[in-house]
PDB file of all heavy atoms in Angstrom:
ATOM      1  N   ARG A   1     -78.228 216.989  53.329  1.00  0.00           N
ATOM      2  CA  ARG A   1     -76.826 217.315  53.592  1.00  0.00           C
ATOM      3  C   ARG A   1     -76.370 216.533  54.812  1.00  0.00           C
ATOM      4  O   ARG A   1     -77.106 216.431  55.788  1.00  0.00           O
ATOM      5  CB  ARG A   1     -76.655 218.802  53.861  1.00  0.00           C
ATOM      6  CG  ARG A   1     -76.994 219.656  52.682  1.00  0.00           C
ATOM      7  CD  ARG A   1     -76.149 220.906  52.719  1.00  0.00           C
ATOM      8  NE  ARG A   1     -76.431 221.710  51.557  1.00  0.00           N
ATOM      9  CZ  ARG A   1     -75.597 221.786  50.510  1.00  0.00           C
ATOM     10  NH1 ARG A   1     -74.487 221.125  50.522  1.00  0.00           N
ATOM     11  NH2 ARG A   1     -75.905 222.534  49.492  1.00  0.00           N
ATOM     12  N   LEU A   2     -75.184 215.996  54.749  1.00  0.00           N
ATOM     13  CA  LEU A   2     -74.583 215.308  55.872  1.00  0.00           C
ATOM     14  C   LEU A   2     -73.834 216.359  56.694  1.00  0.00           C
ATOM     15  O   LEU A   2     -72.864 216.949  56.237  1.00  0.00           O
ATOM     16  CB  LEU A   2     -73.620 214.226  55.380  1.00  0.00           C
ATOM     17  CG  LEU A   2     -73.008 213.328  56.424  1.00  0.00           C
ATOM     18  CD1 LEU A   2     -74.102 212.548  57.165  1.00  0.00           C
ATOM     19  CD2 LEU A   2     -72.037 212.363  55.773  1.00  0.00           C
ATOM     20  N   LEU A   3     -74.329 216.621  57.905  1.00  0.00           N
ATOM     21  CA  LEU A   3     -73.726 217.651  58.749  1.00  0.00           C
ATOM     22  C   LEU A   3     -72.523 217.091  59.486  1.00  0.00           C
ATOM     23  O   LEU A   3     -72.529 215.949  59.934  1.00  0.00           O
ATOM     24  CB  LEU A   3     -74.755 218.190  59.738  1.00  0.00           C
ATOM     25  CG  LEU A   3     -75.983 218.833  59.118  1.00  0.00           C
ATOM     26  CD1 LEU A   3     -76.964 219.250  60.206  1.00  0.00           C
ATOM     27  CD2 LEU A   3     -75.604 220.025  58.251  1.00  0.00           C
ATOM     28  N   LYS A   4     -71.527 217.934  59.638  1.00  0.00           N
ATOM     29  CA  LYS A   4     -70.285 217.523  60.301  1.00  0.00           C
ATOM     30  C   LYS A   4     -70.037 218.424  61.505  1.00  0.00           C
ATOM     31  O   LYS A   4     -70.797 219.339  61.780  1.00  0.00           O
ATOM     32  CB  LYS A   4     -69.135 217.621  59.313  1.00  0.00           C
ATOM     33  CG  LYS A   4     -69.289 216.684  58.139  1.00  0.00           C
ATOM     34  CD  LYS A   4     -68.122 216.819  57.194  1.00  0.00           C
ATOM     35  CE  LYS A   4     -68.174 215.764  56.133  1.00  0.00           C
ATOM     36  NZ  LYS A   4     -68.697 216.163  54.881  1.00  0.00           N
ATOM     37  N   ASP A   5     -68.976 218.156  62.209  1.00  0.00           N
ATOM     38  CA  ASP A   5     -68.516 218.971  63.341  1.00  0.00           C
ATOM     39  C   ASP A   5     -69.512 218.988  64.501  1.00  0.00           C
ATOM     40  O   ASP A   5     -69.767 220.025  65.105  1.00  0.00           O
ATOM     41  CB  ASP A   5     -68.204 220.413  62.893  1.00  0.00           C
ATOM     42  CG  ASP A   5     -67.143 220.460  61.806  1.00  0.00           C
ATOM     43  OD1 ASP A   5     -66.213 219.637  61.877  1.00  0.00           O
ATOM     44  OD2 ASP A   5     -67.248 221.297  60.910  1.00  0.00           O
ATOM     45  N   TRP A   6     -70.082 217.830  64.822  1.00  0.00           N
ATOM     46  CA  TRP A   6     -70.997 217.733  65.962  1.00  0.00           C
ATOM     47  C   TRP A   6     -70.216 217.832  67.257  1.00  0.00           C
ATOM     48  O   TRP A   6     -69.146 217.265  67.406  1.00  0.00           O
ATOM     49  CB  TRP A   6     -71.764 216.411  65.901  1.00  0.00           C
ATOM     50  CG  TRP A   6     -72.813 216.398  64.838  1.00  0.00           C
ATOM     51  CD1 TRP A   6     -72.694 215.909  63.566  1.00  0.00           C
ATOM     52  CD2 TRP A   6     -74.134 216.922  64.942  1.00  0.00           C
ATOM     53  NE1 TRP A   6     -73.858 216.091  62.881  1.00  0.00           N
ATOM     54  CE2 TRP A   6     -74.766 216.712  63.698  1.00  0.00           C
ATOM     55  CE3 TRP A   6     -74.847 217.550  65.958  1.00  0.00           C
ATOM     56  CZ2 TRP A   6     -76.075 217.102  63.460  1.00  0.00           C
ATOM     57  CZ3 TRP A   6     -76.157 217.932  65.706  1.00  0.00           C
ATOM     58  CH2 TRP A   6     -76.747 217.706  64.469  1.00  0.00           C
ATOM     59  N   LYS A   7     -70.785 218.554  68.223  1.00  0.00           N
ATOM     60  CA  LYS A   7     -70.177 218.710  69.551  1.00  0.00           C
ATOM     61  C   LYS A   7     -71.256 218.497  70.594  1.00  0.00           C
ATOM     62  O   LYS A   7     -72.440 218.639  70.320  1.00  0.00           O
ATOM     63  CB  LYS A   7     -69.583 220.115  69.686  1.00  0.00           C
ATOM     64  CG  LYS A   7     -68.454 220.396  68.698  1.00  0.00           C
ATOM     65  CD  LYS A   7     -68.037 221.854  68.748  1.00  0.00           C
ATOM     66  CE  LYS A   7     -66.996 222.173  67.732  1.00  0.00           C
ATOM     67  NZ  LYS A   7     -67.466 222.210  66.368  1.00  0.00           N
ATOM     68  N   ARG A   8     -70.842 218.177  71.804  1.00  0.00           N
ATOM     69  CA  ARG A   8     -71.776 217.972  72.907  1.00  0.00           C
ATOM     70  C   ARG A   8     -71.521 219.042  73.958  1.00  0.00           C
ATOM     71  O   ARG A   8     -70.390 219.263  74.365  1.00  0.00           O
ATOM     72  CB  ARG A   8     -71.568 216.577  73.488  1.00  0.00           C
ATOM     73  CG  ARG A   8     -72.735 216.082  74.268  1.00  0.00           C
ATOM     74  CD  ARG A   8     -72.604 214.614  74.545  1.00  0.00           C
ATOM     75  NE  ARG A   8     -73.916 214.139  74.920  1.00  0.00           N
ATOM     76  CZ  ARG A   8     -74.246 212.893  74.975  1.00  0.00           C
ATOM     77  NH1 ARG A   8     -73.376 211.969  74.669  1.00  0.00           N
ATOM     78  NH2 ARG A   8     -75.455 212.553  75.329  1.00  0.00           N
ATOM     79  N   ASP A   9     -72.602 219.718  74.408  1.00  0.00           N
ATOM     80  CA  ASP A   9     -72.428 220.751  75.427  1.00  0.00           C
ATOM     81  C   ASP A   9     -72.429 220.120  76.821  1.00  0.00           C
ATOM     82  O   ASP A   9     -72.578 218.911  76.987  1.00  0.00           O
ATOM     83  CB  ASP A   9     -73.474 221.864  75.288  1.00  0.00           C
ATOM     84  CG  ASP A   9     -74.889 221.414  75.595  1.00  0.00           C
ATOM     85  OD1 ASP A   9     -75.091 220.331  76.195  1.00  0.00           O
ATOM     86  OD2 ASP A   9     -75.824 222.149  75.227  1.00  0.00           O
ATOM     87  N   SER A  10     -72.272 220.941  77.856  1.00  0.00           N
ATOM     88  CA  SER A  10     -72.163 220.446  79.228  1.00  0.00           C
ATOM     89  C   SER A  10     -73.452 219.794  79.736  1.00  0.00           C
ATOM     90  O   SER A  10     -73.421 219.018  80.684  1.00  0.00           O
ATOM     91  CB  SER A  10     -71.760 221.588  80.167  1.00  0.00           C
ATOM     92  OG  SER A  10     -72.739 222.619  80.118  1.00  0.00           O
ATOM     93  N   ASP A  11     -74.596 220.070  79.095  1.00  0.00           N
ATOM     94  CA  ASP A  11     -75.864 219.431  79.473  1.00  0.00           C
ATOM     95  C   ASP A  11     -76.106 218.133  78.716  1.00  0.00           C
ATOM     96  O   ASP A  11     -77.150 217.501  78.886  1.00  0.00           O
ATOM     97  CB  ASP A  11     -77.041 220.385  79.215  1.00  0.00           C
ATOM     98  CG  ASP A  11     -76.996 221.597  80.128  1.00  0.00           C
ATOM     99  OD1 ASP A  11     -76.547 221.456  81.286  1.00  0.00           O
ATOM    100  OD2 ASP A  11     -77.400 222.681  79.673  1.00  0.00           O
ATOM    101  N   GLY A  12     -75.187 217.753  77.847  1.00  0.00           N
ATOM    102  CA  GLY A  12     -75.345 216.525  77.076  1.00  0.00           C
ATOM    103  C   GLY A  12     -76.082 216.703  75.763  1.00  0.00           C
ATOM    104  O   GLY A  12     -76.385 215.736  75.080  1.00  0.00           O
ATOM    105  N   ASN A  13     -76.389 217.938  75.368  1.00  0.00           N
ATOM    106  CA  ASN A  13     -77.083 218.217  74.109  1.00  0.00           C
ATOM    107  C   ASN A  13     -76.084 218.279  72.963  1.00  0.00           C
ATOM    108  O   ASN A  13     -74.994 218.824  73.110  1.00  0.00           O
ATOM    109  CB  ASN A  13     -77.842 219.546  74.189  1.00  0.00           C
ATOM    110  CG  ASN A  13     -78.891 219.523  75.276  1.00  0.00           C
ATOM    111  OD1 ASN A  13     -79.642 218.566  75.402  1.00  0.00           O
ATOM    112  ND2 ASN A  13     -78.941 220.581  76.070  1.00  0.00           N
ATOM    113  N   TRP A  14     -76.479 217.743  71.817  1.00  0.00           N
ATOM    114  CA  TRP A  14     -75.635 217.764  70.633  1.00  0.00           C
ATOM    115  C   TRP A  14     -75.965 218.985  69.787  1.00  0.00           C
ATOM    116  O   TRP A  14     -77.112 219.375  69.666  1.00  0.00           O
ATOM    117  CB  TRP A  14     -75.846 216.501  69.807  1.00  0.00           C
ATOM    118  CG  TRP A  14     -75.269 215.286  70.459  1.00  0.00           C
ATOM    119  CD1 TRP A  14     -75.910 214.384  71.251  1.00  0.00           C
ATOM    120  CD2 TRP A  14     -73.914 214.856  70.379  1.00  0.00           C
ATOM    121  NE1 TRP A  14     -75.050 213.410  71.671  1.00  0.00           N
ATOM    122  CE2 TRP A  14     -73.808 213.677  71.151  1.00  0.00           C
ATOM    123  CE3 TRP A  14     -72.780 215.337  69.741  1.00  0.00           C
ATOM    124  CZ2 TRP A  14     -72.613 212.984  71.285  1.00  0.00           C
ATOM    125  CZ3 TRP A  14     -71.590 214.638  69.882  1.00  0.00           C
ATOM    126  CH2 TRP A  14     -71.522 213.475  70.652  1.00  0.00           C
ATOM    127  N   TYR A  15     -74.941 219.594  69.172  1.00  0.00           N
ATOM    128  CA  TYR A  15     -75.143 220.722  68.281  1.00  0.00           C
ATOM    129  C   TYR A  15     -74.036 220.731  67.234  1.00  0.00           C
ATOM    130  O   TYR A  15     -72.996 220.096  67.381  1.00  0.00           O
ATOM    131  CB  TYR A  15     -75.177 222.049  69.055  1.00  0.00           C
ATOM    132  CG  TYR A  15     -73.842 222.457  69.637  1.00  0.00           C
ATOM    133  CD1 TYR A  15     -73.011 223.340  68.953  1.00  0.00           C
ATOM    134  CD2 TYR A  15     -73.412 221.962  70.861  1.00  0.00           C
ATOM    135  CE1 TYR A  15     -71.784 223.715  69.480  1.00  0.00           C
ATOM    136  CE2 TYR A  15     -72.192 222.330  71.403  1.00  0.00           C
ATOM    137  CZ  TYR A  15     -71.382 223.205  70.702  1.00  0.00           C
ATOM    138  OH  TYR A  15     -70.178 223.569  71.219  1.00  0.00           O
ATOM    139  N   THR A  16     -74.293 221.462  66.160  1.00  0.00           N
ATOM    140  CA  THR A  16     -73.282 221.629  65.125  1.00  0.00           C
ATOM    141  C   THR A  16     -73.276 223.077  64.655  1.00  0.00           C
ATOM    142  O   THR A  16     -74.309 223.747  64.688  1.00  0.00           O
ATOM    143  CB  THR A  16     -73.516 220.696  63.922  1.00  0.00           C
ATOM    144  OG1 THR A  16     -72.475 220.901  62.966  1.00  0.00           O
ATOM    145  CG2 THR A  16     -74.858 220.957  63.257  1.00  0.00           C
ATOM    146  N   THR A  17     -72.128 223.525  64.236  1.00  0.00           N
ATOM    147  CA  THR A  17     -71.995 224.854  63.633  1.00  0.00           C
ATOM    148  C   THR A  17     -71.633 224.710  62.153  1.00  0.00           C
ATOM    149  O   THR A  17     -71.106 225.634  61.549  1.00  0.00           O
ATOM    150  CB  THR A  17     -70.925 225.681  64.362  1.00  0.00           C
ATOM    151  OG1 THR A  17     -69.697 224.937  64.368  1.00  0.00           O
ATOM    152  CG2 THR A  17     -71.353 225.993  65.785  1.00  0.00           C
ATOM    153  N   ASP A  18     -71.944 223.546  61.584  1.00  0.00           N
ATOM    154  CA  ASP A  18     -71.671 223.260  60.181  1.00  0.00           C
ATOM    155  C   ASP A  18     -72.349 224.319  59.302  1.00  0.00           C
ATOM    156  O   ASP A  18     -73.563 224.478  59.343  1.00  0.00           O
ATOM    157  CB  ASP A  18     -72.197 221.865  59.838  1.00  0.00           C
ATOM    158  CG  ASP A  18     -71.780 221.402  58.454  1.00  0.00           C
ATOM    159  OD1 ASP A  18     -71.665 222.236  57.534  1.00  0.00           O
ATOM    160  OD2 ASP A  18     -71.589 220.187  58.290  1.00  0.00           O
ATOM    161  N   ARG A  19     -71.578 225.052  58.523  1.00  0.00           N
ATOM    162  CA  ARG A  19     -72.104 226.154  57.720  1.00  0.00           C
ATOM    163  C   ARG A  19     -72.965 225.678  56.549  1.00  0.00           C
ATOM    164  O   ARG A  19     -73.713 226.466  55.967  1.00  0.00           O
ATOM    165  CB  ARG A  19     -70.970 227.018  57.201  1.00  0.00           C
ATOM    166  CG  ARG A  19     -70.269 227.760  58.323  1.00  0.00           C
ATOM    167  CD  ARG A  19     -69.271 228.758  57.759  1.00  0.00           C
ATOM    168  NE  ARG A  19     -68.508 229.377  58.797  1.00  0.00           N
ATOM    169  CZ  ARG A  19     -68.885 230.469  59.446  1.00  0.00           C
ATOM    170  NH1 ARG A  19     -70.022 231.021  59.166  1.00  0.00           N
ATOM    171  NH2 ARG A  19     -68.128 230.978  60.390  1.00  0.00           N
ATOM    172  N   SER A  20     -72.912 224.395  56.190  1.00  0.00           N
ATOM    173  CA  SER A  20     -73.741 223.911  55.083  1.00  0.00           C
ATOM    174  C   SER A  20     -75.200 223.757  55.493  1.00  0.00           C
ATOM    175  O   SER A  20     -76.061 223.536  54.661  1.00  0.00           O
ATOM    176  CB  SER A  20     -73.207 222.576  54.555  1.00  0.00           C
ATOM    177  OG  SER A  20     -73.439 221.539  55.481  1.00  0.00           O
ATOM    178  N   LEU A  21     -75.492 223.902  56.790  1.00  0.00           N
ATOM    179  CA  LEU A  21     -76.862 223.735  57.282  1.00  0.00           C
ATOM    180  C   LEU A  21     -77.811 224.766  56.700  1.00  0.00           C
ATOM    181  O   LEU A  21     -78.927 224.458  56.343  1.00  0.00           O
ATOM    182  CB  LEU A  21     -76.879 223.810  58.818  1.00  0.00           C
ATOM    183  CG  LEU A  21     -78.217 223.622  59.498  1.00  0.00           C
ATOM    184  CD1 LEU A  21     -78.823 222.284  59.147  1.00  0.00           C
ATOM    185  CD2 LEU A  21     -78.079 223.752  60.996  1.00  0.00           C
ATOM    186  N   GLY A  22     -77.393 225.983  56.563  1.00  0.00           N
ATOM    187  CA  GLY A  22     -78.281 227.021  56.045  1.00  0.00           C
ATOM    188  C   GLY A  22     -79.232 227.521  57.118  1.00  0.00           C
ATOM    189  O   GLY A  22     -79.148 227.145  58.283  1.00  0.00           O
ATOM    190  N   SER A  23     -80.181 228.366  56.725  1.00  0.00           N
ATOM    191  CA  SER A  23     -81.085 228.979  57.691  1.00  0.00           C
ATOM    192  C   SER A  23     -82.405 228.240  57.828  1.00  0.00           C
ATOM    193  O   SER A  23     -83.172 228.515  58.743  1.00  0.00           O
ATOM    194  CB  SER A  23     -81.347 230.429  57.301  1.00  0.00           C
ATOM    195  OG  SER A  23     -81.964 230.471  56.031  1.00  0.00           O
ATOM    196  N   THR A  24     -82.728 227.322  56.917  1.00  0.00           N
ATOM    197  CA  THR A  24     -84.000 226.611  56.962  1.00  0.00           C
ATOM    198  C   THR A  24     -83.746 225.111  57.005  1.00  0.00           C
ATOM    199  O   THR A  24     -82.998 224.581  56.195  1.00  0.00           O
ATOM    200  CB  THR A  24     -84.849 226.939  55.721  1.00  0.00           C
ATOM    201  OG1 THR A  24     -85.034 228.345  55.658  1.00  0.00           O
ATOM    202  CG2 THR A  24     -86.194 226.252  55.787  1.00  0.00           C
ATOM    203  N   VAL A  25     -84.383 224.447  57.957  1.00  0.00           N
ATOM    204  CA  VAL A  25     -84.296 223.000  58.051  1.00  0.00           C
ATOM    205  C   VAL A  25     -85.686 222.442  57.760  1.00  0.00           C
ATOM    206  O   VAL A  25     -86.653 222.803  58.417  1.00  0.00           O
ATOM    207  CB  VAL A  25     -83.831 222.552  59.462  1.00  0.00           C
ATOM    208  CG1 VAL A  25     -83.832 221.036  59.563  1.00  0.00           C
ATOM    209  CG2 VAL A  25     -82.456 223.106  59.758  1.00  0.00           C
ATOM    210  N   ASN A  26     -85.781 221.600  56.733  1.00  0.00           N
ATOM    211  CA  ASN A  26     -87.068 221.024  56.365  1.00  0.00           C
ATOM    212  C   ASN A  26     -87.296 219.658  56.984  1.00  0.00           C
ATOM    213  O   ASN A  26     -88.428 219.267  57.227  1.00  0.00           O
ATOM    214  CB  ASN A  26     -87.197 220.923  54.853  1.00  0.00           C
ATOM    215  CG  ASN A  26     -87.224 222.298  54.217  1.00  0.00           C
ATOM    216  OD1 ASN A  26     -87.849 223.205  54.731  1.00  0.00           O
ATOM    217  ND2 ASN A  26     -86.523 222.455  53.112  1.00  0.00           N
ATOM    218  N   LEU A  27     -86.242 218.912  57.186  1.00  0.00           N
ATOM    219  CA  LEU A  27     -86.349 217.638  57.869  1.00  0.00           C
ATOM    220  C   LEU A  27     -85.003 217.246  58.430  1.00  0.00           C
ATOM    221  O   LEU A  27     -83.977 217.745  58.018  1.00  0.00           O
ATOM    222  CB  LEU A  27     -86.916 216.531  56.968  1.00  0.00           C
ATOM    223  CG  LEU A  27     -86.122 216.121  55.745  1.00  0.00           C
ATOM    224  CD1 LEU A  27     -85.382 214.826  56.017  1.00  0.00           C
ATOM    225  CD2 LEU A  27     -87.093 215.878  54.618  1.00  0.00           C
ATOM    226  N   LEU A  28     -85.037 216.357  59.419  1.00  0.00           N
ATOM    227  CA  LEU A  28     -83.831 215.934  60.108  1.00  0.00           C
ATOM    228  C   LEU A  28     -83.864 214.429  60.270  1.00  0.00           C
ATOM    229  O   LEU A  28     -84.864 213.868  60.710  1.00  0.00           O
ATOM    230  CB  LEU A  28     -83.745 216.608  61.483  1.00  0.00           C
ATOM    231  CG  LEU A  28     -82.598 216.158  62.399  1.00  0.00           C
ATOM    232  CD1 LEU A  28     -81.258 216.598  61.827  1.00  0.00           C
ATOM    233  CD2 LEU A  28     -82.798 216.711  63.795  1.00  0.00           C
ATOM    234  N   LEU A  29     -82.774 213.777  59.897  1.00  0.00           N
ATOM    235  CA  LEU A  29     -82.622 212.343  60.100  1.00  0.00           C
ATOM    236  C   LEU A  29     -81.473 212.120  61.061  1.00  0.00           C
ATOM    237  O   LEU A  29     -80.433 212.765  60.944  1.00  0.00           O
ATOM    238  CB  LEU A  29     -82.310 211.637  58.779  1.00  0.00           C
ATOM    239  CG  LEU A  29     -83.416 211.679  57.747  1.00  0.00           C
ATOM    240  CD1 LEU A  29     -82.847 211.760  56.361  1.00  0.00           C
ATOM    241  CD2 LEU A  29     -84.277 210.448  57.877  1.00  0.00           C
ATOM    242  N   ILE A  30     -81.657 211.224  61.997  1.00  0.00           N
ATOM    243  CA  ILE A  30     -80.567 210.799  62.871  1.00  0.00           C
ATOM    244  C   ILE A  30     -80.411 209.311  62.671  1.00  0.00           C
ATOM    245  O   ILE A  30     -81.358 208.546  62.891  1.00  0.00           O
ATOM    246  CB  ILE A  30     -80.858 211.143  64.353  1.00  0.00           C
ATOM    247  CG1 ILE A  30     -80.984 212.655  64.536  1.00  0.00           C
ATOM    248  CG2 ILE A  30     -79.740 210.581  65.248  1.00  0.00           C
ATOM    249  CD1 ILE A  30     -81.348 213.093  65.939  1.00  0.00           C
ATOM    250  N   ASP A  31     -79.237 208.898  62.216  1.00  0.00           N
ATOM    251  CA  ASP A  31     -78.974 207.494  61.875  1.00  0.00           C
ATOM    252  C   ASP A  31     -80.047 206.941  60.950  1.00  0.00           C
ATOM    253  O   ASP A  31     -80.514 205.816  61.099  1.00  0.00           O
ATOM    254  CB  ASP A  31     -78.857 206.638  63.129  1.00  0.00           C
ATOM    255  CG  ASP A  31     -77.636 206.999  63.958  1.00  0.00           C
ATOM    256  OD1 ASP A  31     -76.626 207.431  63.364  1.00  0.00           O
ATOM    257  OD2 ASP A  31     -77.686 206.862  65.191  1.00  0.00           O
ATOM    258  N   GLY A  32     -80.494 207.750  59.988  1.00  0.00           N
ATOM    259  CA  GLY A  32     -81.464 207.315  58.995  1.00  0.00           C
ATOM    260  C   GLY A  32     -82.914 207.345  59.440  1.00  0.00           C
ATOM    261  O   GLY A  32     -83.806 207.001  58.685  1.00  0.00           O
TER     262      GLY A  32
END
């Protein structure tokens, strides 16, 4: 799934609240 709505917090960490993420993450790709 291509996650959207990325935001950066005050510490410089990236996060998303994209509801398509679900509760289980099996793998993560950043820029492929």
